[in-house]
Amino acid sequence: MKPDPGHADIKALRTYVEAVAVLLHVEPAACWSEHSSPSTAYVALADRCPRHADRFLMLQWAEDTGWCLALEPQGAEEPVVLAHWPKPVRPAAVVVARRVRQALAELARPRENATRSRQDCGLKPAADLPERRRNARGSNGRYPPAPAPGVS
């Protein structure tokens, strides 16, 4: 029996997304990928950061838009994109992890007149991962959604 012709692509995408997750100290079980047109991926980042203490973070990828760091959506809302890296669309996993850590460090910096104390933005798998995966797609059924105006 011949394997499915797309099997190698599916496996390569899954391996890539899991490599990103591991570099961010996230268990592979907290990530998801789908080889389709366009292919997409999701990594659940369980901890919250100070500027959005009531929201979890997620990392998303699509083969036509690249990677983005976003707030997990609540209900039917679109994910709020905090950082977007469209080029290259599929950089090395270590590059993605470095960009995410840099973005999290920026988010962790105290803002002027901030009332919250500085908190850690560390990463770990979330207990509510299945629900978060269902909510990760934008209203158009795809992710990542378009970044918010003024977000790069």
Protein backbone atom coordinates (compact mmCIF):
# COMPACT_ATOMS: atom_id res chain seq x y z
CA MET A 1 0.00 0.00 0.00
CA LYS A 2 1.39 3.39 -1.02
CA PRO A 3 1.33 6.18 1.57
CA ASP A 4 -0.82 9.23 0.90
CA PRO A 5 1.15 11.59 -1.39
CA GLY A 6 0.68 14.46 1.08
CA HIS A 7 1.86 12.39 4.05
CA ALA A 8 5.41 13.76 3.90
CA ASP A 9 4.11 17.36 3.82
CA ILE A 10 1.75 16.71 6.72
CA LYS A 11 4.55 15.17 8.77
CA ALA A 12 6.98 17.98 7.89
CA LEU A 13 4.48 20.65 8.97
CA ARG A 14 3.72 18.85 12.22
CA THR A 15 7.44 18.42 12.96
CA TYR A 16 8.07 22.12 12.26
CA VAL A 17 5.23 23.31 14.53
CA GLU A 18 6.27 20.94 17.32
CA ALA A 19 9.86 22.23 17.04
CA VAL A 20 8.59 25.80 17.54
CA ALA A 21 6.52 24.67 20.53
CA VAL A 22 9.41 22.82 22.17
CA LEU A 23 11.70 25.85 21.79
CA LEU A 24 9.04 27.89 23.60
CA HIS A 25 8.84 25.26 26.39
CA VAL A 26 5.36 24.23 25.28
CA GLU A 27 4.43 20.57 25.09
CA PRO A 28 3.74 19.32 21.55
CA ALA A 29 0.25 18.34 22.75
CA ALA A 30 -0.50 22.07 23.04
CA CYS A 31 -0.09 22.66 19.32
CA TRP A 32 -2.07 21.83 16.23
CA SER A 33 -1.44 21.91 12.50
CA GLU A 34 -3.52 21.36 9.39
CA HIS A 35 -2.08 20.69 5.97
CA SER A 36 -4.59 22.18 3.54
CA SER A 37 -4.90 25.22 1.34
CA PRO A 38 -3.65 27.27 3.07
CA SER A 39 -1.90 25.16 5.68
CA THR A 40 -2.25 26.52 9.22
CA ALA A 41 -0.89 25.94 12.72
CA TYR A 42 -1.63 26.95 16.31
CA VAL A 43 0.39 26.85 19.54
CA ALA A 44 -1.33 27.51 22.88
CA LEU A 45 0.69 29.74 25.19
CA ALA A 46 -0.88 29.31 28.61
CA ASP A 47 0.52 32.13 30.67
CA ARG A 48 -0.72 35.66 30.39
CA CYS A 49 1.29 38.83 30.09
CA PRO A 50 0.84 42.02 32.12
CA ARG A 51 -0.81 44.16 29.46
CA HIS A 52 -3.56 41.59 28.99
CA ALA A 53 -3.66 39.78 32.33
CA ASP A 54 -7.14 38.38 31.76
CA ARG A 55 -6.29 36.76 28.39
CA PHE A 56 -4.20 33.80 27.25
CA LEU A 57 -1.78 34.16 24.36
CA MET A 58 -1.52 32.03 21.25
CA LEU A 59 0.87 31.69 18.36
CA GLN A 60 -0.60 31.16 14.90
CA TRP A 61 0.81 30.41 11.47
CA ALA A 62 -0.62 30.26 7.96
CA GLU A 63 1.37 29.51 4.84
CA ASP A 64 0.14 32.67 3.14
CA THR A 65 0.52 35.14 6.05
CA GLY A 66 3.32 33.83 8.28
CA TRP A 67 3.43 33.80 12.10
CA CYS A 68 1.64 36.01 14.60
CA LEU A 69 1.32 36.30 18.35
CA ALA A 70 -2.25 37.03 19.41
CA LEU A 71 -4.62 37.15 22.34
CA GLU A 72 -6.86 34.11 22.54
CA PRO A 73 -10.33 35.07 21.33
CA GLN A 74 -13.20 35.15 23.77
CA GLY A 75 -16.38 33.75 22.31
CA ALA A 76 -16.87 34.69 18.68
CA GLU A 77 -14.41 37.59 18.62
CA GLU A 78 -11.41 37.69 16.31
CA PRO A 79 -8.00 37.07 17.91
CA VAL A 80 -6.24 40.36 18.68
CA VAL A 81 -2.85 40.28 16.94
CA LEU A 82 -0.04 41.66 19.11
CA ALA A 83 2.87 40.93 16.74
CA HIS A 84 3.00 39.69 13.15
CA TRP A 85 5.95 38.29 11.22
CA PRO A 86 4.88 37.76 7.60
CA LYS A 87 8.35 37.28 6.09
CA PRO A 88 9.82 34.83 5.72
CA VAL A 89 6.61 32.85 5.85
CA ARG A 90 8.28 29.74 7.26
CA PRO A 91 11.47 30.74 9.07
CA ALA A 92 13.53 28.29 11.10
CA ALA A 93 11.86 27.26 14.36
CA VAL A 94 14.62 28.94 16.37
CA VAL A 95 13.87 32.26 14.61
CA VAL A 96 10.17 32.00 15.46
CA ALA A 97 10.96 31.23 19.10
CA ARG A 98 13.38 34.19 19.31
CA ARG A 99 10.77 36.55 17.81
CA VAL A 100 8.12 35.35 20.26
CA ARG A 101 10.46 35.76 23.25
CA GLN A 102 11.35 39.29 22.07
CA ALA A 103 7.68 40.21 21.66
CA LEU A 104 6.86 38.82 25.11
CA ALA A 105 9.74 40.77 26.64
CA GLU A 106 8.37 43.94 25.05
CA LEU A 107 4.88 43.19 26.37
CA ALA A 108 6.32 42.58 29.85
CA ARG A 109 7.91 46.03 30.04
CA PRO A 110 5.98 48.29 32.39
CA ARG A 111 3.97 50.97 30.65
CA GLU A 112 3.96 54.56 31.77
CA ASN A 113 1.32 55.08 34.46
CA ALA A 114 0.71 51.33 34.61
CA THR A 115 -1.31 50.23 37.62
CA ARG A 116 -0.47 46.53 37.37
CA SER A 117 2.71 45.05 38.75
CA ARG A 118 5.16 43.44 36.36
CA GLN A 119 4.28 39.78 35.85
CA ASP A 120 6.01 36.89 34.19
CA CYS A 121 4.96 36.01 30.63
CA GLY A 122 6.34 32.45 30.83
CA LEU A 123 4.82 29.74 28.66
CA LYS A 124 3.23 26.39 29.46
CA PRO A 125 0.37 24.25 28.12
CA ALA A 126 -3.14 25.26 29.07
CA ALA A 127 -5.73 23.09 30.80
CA ASP A 128 -8.48 24.44 28.53
CA LEU A 129 -6.58 23.69 25.31
CA PRO A 130 -9.42 21.98 23.35
CA GLU A 131 -11.76 24.95 23.83
CA ARG A 132 -9.00 27.38 22.92
CA ARG A 133 -8.24 25.45 19.73
CA ARG A 134 -11.89 25.70 18.68
CA ASN A 135 -11.89 29.45 19.29
CA ALA A 136 -8.55 30.13 17.57
CA ARG A 137 -9.91 30.59 14.07
CA GLY A 138 -11.15 33.96 12.88
CA SER A 139 -14.72 34.53 11.76
CA ASN A 140 -13.67 33.68 8.21
CA GLY A 141 -12.77 30.15 9.37
CA ARG A 142 -9.05 30.77 8.95
CA TYR A 143 -6.25 32.13 11.01
CA PRO A 144 -4.33 34.19 11.59
CA PRO A 145 -6.79 37.00 11.09
CA ALA A 146 -5.60 40.32 9.73
CA PRO A 147 -3.52 42.23 12.28
CA ALA A 148 -5.10 45.16 14.07
CA PRO A 149 -4.29 48.56 12.51
CA GLY A 150 -0.86 49.79 13.50
CA VAL A 151 0.40 46.33 14.58
CA SER A 152 3.43 44.89 12.85
